Amino acid sequence: MAIDTRIVDDLARIASGALGAAVSLREEVQTQVKERLATVFADLDLVSREEFEAVREMAAEARAEQEAMAARLEALEAKIAKGGDSKTSARRRKTPASRSE
């Protein structure tokens, strides 16, 4: 029985060493892949998530401002179409759509 125990202990040490080497190899491969991907992504000139979110927020603000200005313009055009006050109707100009006709 003593021989069997020694063989089992040796096999356990070998397996433990192989497992440690496999874990170390996995970590090394993972590190190499991450470094390579970082290099590839840097060469692609991609933007970071923070930059993307900042530009997205700016675009949303610009869109909201544009919609507000469009509503304001529509209200002003409706006022002019009604006749508005005498000063506004006296200074009425041709719109870009009516110039092309």
Protein backbone atom coordinates (compact mmCIF):
# COMPACT_ATOMS: atom_id res chain seq x y z
CA MET A 1 0.00 0.00 0.00
CA ALA A 2 2.86 2.37 0.66
CA ILE A 3 3.91 2.15 -2.95
CA ASP A 4 0.43 2.91 -4.19
CA THR A 5 0.21 5.97 -1.94
CA ARG A 6 3.56 7.27 -3.19
CA ILE A 7 2.50 6.82 -6.82
CA VAL A 8 -0.79 8.58 -6.16
CA ASP A 9 1.04 11.45 -4.42
CA ASP A 10 3.44 11.77 -7.36
CA LEU A 11 0.56 11.77 -9.83
CA ALA A 12 -1.24 14.41 -7.75
CA ARG A 13 1.87 16.63 -7.75
CA ILE A 14 2.29 16.21 -11.50
CA ALA A 15 -1.38 17.00 -12.11
CA SER A 16 -1.18 20.00 -9.79
CA GLY A 17 1.90 21.29 -11.59
CA ALA A 18 0.26 20.76 -14.98
CA LEU A 19 -2.86 22.58 -13.81
CA GLY A 20 -0.75 25.48 -12.54
CA ALA A 21 1.08 25.63 -15.86
CA ALA A 22 -2.23 25.56 -17.75
CA VAL A 23 -3.61 28.43 -15.65
CA SER A 24 -0.41 30.40 -16.17
CA LEU A 25 -0.53 29.72 -19.91
CA ARG A 26 -4.17 30.82 -20.05
CA GLU A 27 -3.36 34.08 -18.28
CA GLU A 28 -0.42 34.72 -20.61
CA VAL A 29 -2.54 34.07 -23.71
CA GLN A 30 -5.30 36.31 -22.35
CA THR A 31 -2.79 39.12 -21.73
CA GLN A 32 -1.33 38.77 -25.22
CA VAL A 33 -4.78 38.81 -26.85
CA LYS A 34 -5.81 41.91 -24.89
CA GLU A 35 -2.62 43.73 -25.91
CA ARG A 36 -3.09 42.76 -29.56
CA LEU A 37 -6.74 43.84 -29.58
CA ALA A 38 -5.82 47.16 -27.96
CA THR A 39 -3.27 47.73 -30.75
CA VAL A 40 -5.78 46.81 -33.46
CA PHE A 41 -8.48 49.06 -31.96
CA ALA A 42 -6.01 51.94 -31.66
CA ASP A 43 -5.14 51.54 -35.35
CA LEU A 44 -8.84 51.63 -36.28
CA ASP A 45 -9.19 55.10 -34.73
CA LEU A 46 -12.33 54.19 -32.77
CA VAL A 47 -13.85 56.54 -30.21
CA SER A 48 -14.25 55.71 -26.56
CA ARG A 49 -17.65 55.15 -24.95
CA GLU A 50 -17.30 58.46 -23.08
CA GLU A 51 -16.64 60.40 -26.29
CA PHE A 52 -19.55 58.67 -28.02
CA GLU A 53 -21.95 59.47 -25.17
CA ALA A 54 -20.81 63.13 -25.09
CA VAL A 55 -21.42 63.58 -28.83
CA ARG A 56 -24.73 61.74 -28.56
CA GLU A 57 -25.85 64.13 -25.81
CA MET A 58 -24.78 67.13 -27.88
CA ALA A 59 -26.76 65.81 -30.86
CA ALA A 60 -29.85 65.31 -28.70
CA GLU A 61 -29.58 68.88 -27.39
CA ALA A 62 -29.13 70.23 -30.92
CA ARG A 63 -32.16 68.24 -32.09
CA ALA A 64 -34.30 69.61 -29.25
CA GLU A 65 -33.15 73.15 -30.03
CA GLN A 66 -33.90 72.67 -33.73
CA GLU A 67 -37.39 71.38 -32.95
CA ALA A 68 -38.05 74.36 -30.65
CA MET A 69 -36.86 76.77 -33.34
CA ALA A 70 -39.07 75.04 -35.93
CA ALA A 71 -42.10 75.42 -33.63
CA ARG A 72 -41.25 79.08 -33.05
CA LEU A 73 -40.90 79.67 -36.79
CA GLU A 74 -44.23 77.97 -37.43
CA ALA A 75 -45.91 80.19 -34.83
CA LEU A 76 -44.37 83.31 -36.36
CA GLU A 77 -45.45 82.25 -39.86
CA ALA A 78 -48.99 81.64 -38.58
CA LYS A 79 -49.01 85.08 -37.00
CA ILE A 80 -47.85 86.66 -40.26
CA ALA A 81 -50.44 84.71 -42.23
CA LYS A 82 -53.20 86.02 -39.96
CA GLY A 83 -52.06 89.54 -40.65
CA GLY A 84 -50.29 90.10 -37.35
CA ASP A 85 -49.91 93.69 -36.27
CA SER A 86 -49.49 96.49 -38.78
CA LYS A 87 -45.70 96.76 -38.32
CA THR A 88 -45.19 93.06 -39.05
CA SER A 89 -47.41 93.05 -42.14
CA ALA A 90 -45.75 96.15 -43.54
CA ARG A 91 -42.32 94.53 -43.35
CA ARG A 92 -43.39 91.13 -44.66
CA ARG A 93 -40.76 89.63 -46.94
CA LYS A 94 -40.92 86.91 -49.52
CA THR A 95 -40.19 83.44 -48.13
CA PRO A 96 -37.57 81.26 -49.86
CA ALA A 97 -40.38 79.06 -51.24
CA SER A 98 -42.17 82.00 -52.87
CA ARG A 99 -38.96 83.37 -54.43
CA SER A 100 -38.45 80.24 -56.52
CA GLU A 101 -41.94 80.45 -58.05
